[in-house]
Amino acid sequence: MNRYETVFILTPVLSEEQAKEAVKVYEDFITKNGGAIKHNEFWGLRKMAYQIQKKSTGFYNLVEFECDGSLIQKLEVEFKRDERIMRFLTVKMDKDHIAFAEKTRKAAKNAKPSDEKAEA
């Protein structure tokens, strides 16, 4: 099994709860088709560099998962069929990419508790 990372942008017309429900649908799709979710980040509503479908913001989400390569095509077809998805990008992660992602997450996790202490 290979590891992949998908970033997709949901339309800003949705509420935050609806956006999270849409993300859950795709996580379930991956797991039902033999994949395993390794990491998920909901980045929230963000301004985009350029307009897509006459919208300048969107709900960003990152999902890191392991699966067979055949699942990627099925997942991307589902993204294309869903009118809530404005853009998506799936990337196959190599060993260096995986190590960098885990290192970055670990550094961010360790930085948060000290930031909270500084604010108090």
Protein backbone atom coordinates (compact mmCIF):
# COMPACT_ATOMS: atom_id res chain seq x y z
CA MET A 1 0.00 0.00 0.00
CA ASN A 2 1.14 3.50 -0.84
CA ARG A 3 0.63 6.65 1.18
CA TYR A 4 -1.19 9.59 -0.38
CA GLU A 5 -2.07 13.13 0.61
CA THR A 6 -5.17 14.86 -0.71
CA VAL A 7 -6.03 18.51 -0.27
CA PHE A 8 -9.48 19.60 -1.35
CA ILE A 9 -11.43 22.84 -1.21
CA LEU A 10 -15.13 22.85 -0.39
CA THR A 11 -17.49 25.63 -1.42
CA PRO A 12 -17.89 28.45 1.13
CA VAL A 13 -21.68 28.29 0.76
CA LEU A 14 -21.66 25.41 3.27
CA SER A 15 -21.69 25.93 7.02
CA GLU A 16 -18.68 24.69 8.98
CA GLU A 17 -20.70 21.69 10.20
CA GLN A 18 -21.73 20.79 6.64
CA ALA A 19 -18.11 21.06 5.51
CA LYS A 20 -16.98 18.70 8.27
CA GLU A 21 -19.77 16.27 7.32
CA ALA A 22 -18.54 16.32 3.70
CA VAL A 23 -15.00 15.54 4.90
CA LYS A 24 -16.39 12.63 6.95
CA VAL A 25 -18.07 11.25 3.80
CA TYR A 26 -14.71 11.06 2.00
CA GLU A 27 -12.92 9.59 5.02
CA ASP A 28 -15.59 6.88 5.16
CA PHE A 29 -15.23 6.31 1.40
CA ILE A 30 -11.49 5.72 1.82
CA THR A 31 -11.88 3.32 4.74
CA LYS A 32 -14.77 1.38 3.13
CA ASN A 33 -12.61 0.79 0.05
CA GLY A 34 -9.67 -0.68 1.96
CA GLY A 35 -7.73 2.48 2.82
CA ALA A 36 -6.56 3.72 6.21
CA ILE A 37 -6.64 7.36 7.32
CA LYS A 38 -3.29 8.37 8.82
CA HIS A 39 -3.86 12.07 9.45
CA ASN A 40 -6.52 14.71 8.85
CA GLU A 41 -6.39 18.49 9.13
CA PHE A 42 -9.40 20.77 8.74
CA TRP A 43 -7.90 24.17 7.90
CA GLY A 44 -11.23 25.98 7.87
CA LEU A 45 -12.44 28.84 5.72
CA ARG A 46 -9.55 30.57 3.92
CA LYS A 47 -9.14 33.19 1.24
CA MET A 48 -7.93 31.83 -2.09
CA ALA A 49 -5.29 33.41 -4.33
CA TYR A 50 -7.76 33.56 -7.23
CA GLN A 51 -11.48 33.02 -7.70
CA ILE A 52 -12.89 29.58 -8.45
CA GLN A 53 -16.51 29.43 -9.62
CA LYS A 54 -16.82 33.14 -8.73
CA LYS A 55 -15.92 32.43 -5.09
CA SER A 56 -12.89 33.89 -3.34
CA THR A 57 -12.93 31.69 -0.20
CA GLY A 58 -13.29 27.99 0.54
CA PHE A 59 -13.04 25.35 3.28
CA TYR A 60 -9.65 23.66 3.01
CA ASN A 61 -8.99 20.13 4.20
CA LEU A 62 -6.00 17.78 4.10
CA VAL A 63 -6.31 14.00 4.39
CA GLU A 64 -3.28 11.71 4.56
CA PHE A 65 -4.06 8.02 3.97
CA GLU A 66 -2.74 4.65 2.84
CA CYS A 67 -4.42 2.66 0.09
CA ASP A 68 -3.90 0.80 -3.16
CA GLY A 69 -3.34 2.95 -6.23
CA SER A 70 -6.63 1.82 -7.77
CA LEU A 71 -8.60 3.67 -5.09
CA ILE A 72 -7.21 7.07 -6.15
CA GLN A 73 -9.09 7.07 -9.45
CA LYS A 74 -12.35 6.13 -7.69
CA LEU A 75 -11.82 8.86 -5.08
CA GLU A 76 -11.13 11.50 -7.71
CA VAL A 77 -14.25 10.50 -9.66
CA GLU A 78 -16.24 11.02 -6.45
CA PHE A 79 -14.63 14.46 -6.01
CA LYS A 80 -15.57 15.41 -9.59
CA ARG A 81 -19.19 14.31 -9.10
CA ASP A 82 -19.64 16.26 -5.86
CA GLU A 83 -20.66 19.86 -6.52
CA ARG A 84 -19.44 20.85 -3.03
CA ILE A 85 -15.82 20.21 -4.09
CA MET A 86 -14.31 23.16 -5.96
CA ARG A 87 -10.72 21.82 -6.33
CA PHE A 88 -8.66 18.85 -5.22
CA LEU A 89 -5.12 17.57 -5.54
CA THR A 90 -3.84 14.10 -4.65
CA VAL A 91 -0.11 13.44 -4.29
CA LYS A 92 1.70 10.16 -3.71
CA MET A 93 4.04 10.56 -0.75
CA ASP A 94 7.58 9.15 -0.87
CA LYS A 95 9.58 8.26 2.25
CA ASP A 96 11.12 11.74 2.53
CA HIS A 97 7.71 13.42 2.20
CA ILE A 98 6.28 11.15 4.93
CA ALA A 99 9.24 11.86 7.25
CA PHE A 100 8.95 15.63 6.67
CA ALA A 101 5.18 15.62 7.31
CA GLU A 102 5.58 13.67 10.56
CA LYS A 103 8.47 15.91 11.68
CA THR A 104 6.44 19.05 10.97
CA ARG A 105 3.41 17.73 12.87
CA LYS A 106 5.60 16.76 15.82
CA ALA A 107 7.22 20.22 15.90
CA ALA A 108 3.82 21.93 15.72
CA LYS A 109 2.46 19.73 18.49
CA ASN A 110 5.43 20.49 20.74
CA ALA A 111 5.19 24.23 20.01
CA LYS A 112 1.53 24.59 20.98
CA PRO A 113 1.84 23.87 24.74
CA SER A 114 4.65 26.41 25.14
CA ASP A 115 2.67 29.04 23.21
CA GLU A 116 -0.29 28.55 25.55
CA LYS A 117 1.98 29.00 28.59
CA ALA A 118 3.40 32.22 27.14
CA GLU A 119 -0.08 33.67 26.66
CA ALA A 120 -1.18 32.89 30.23
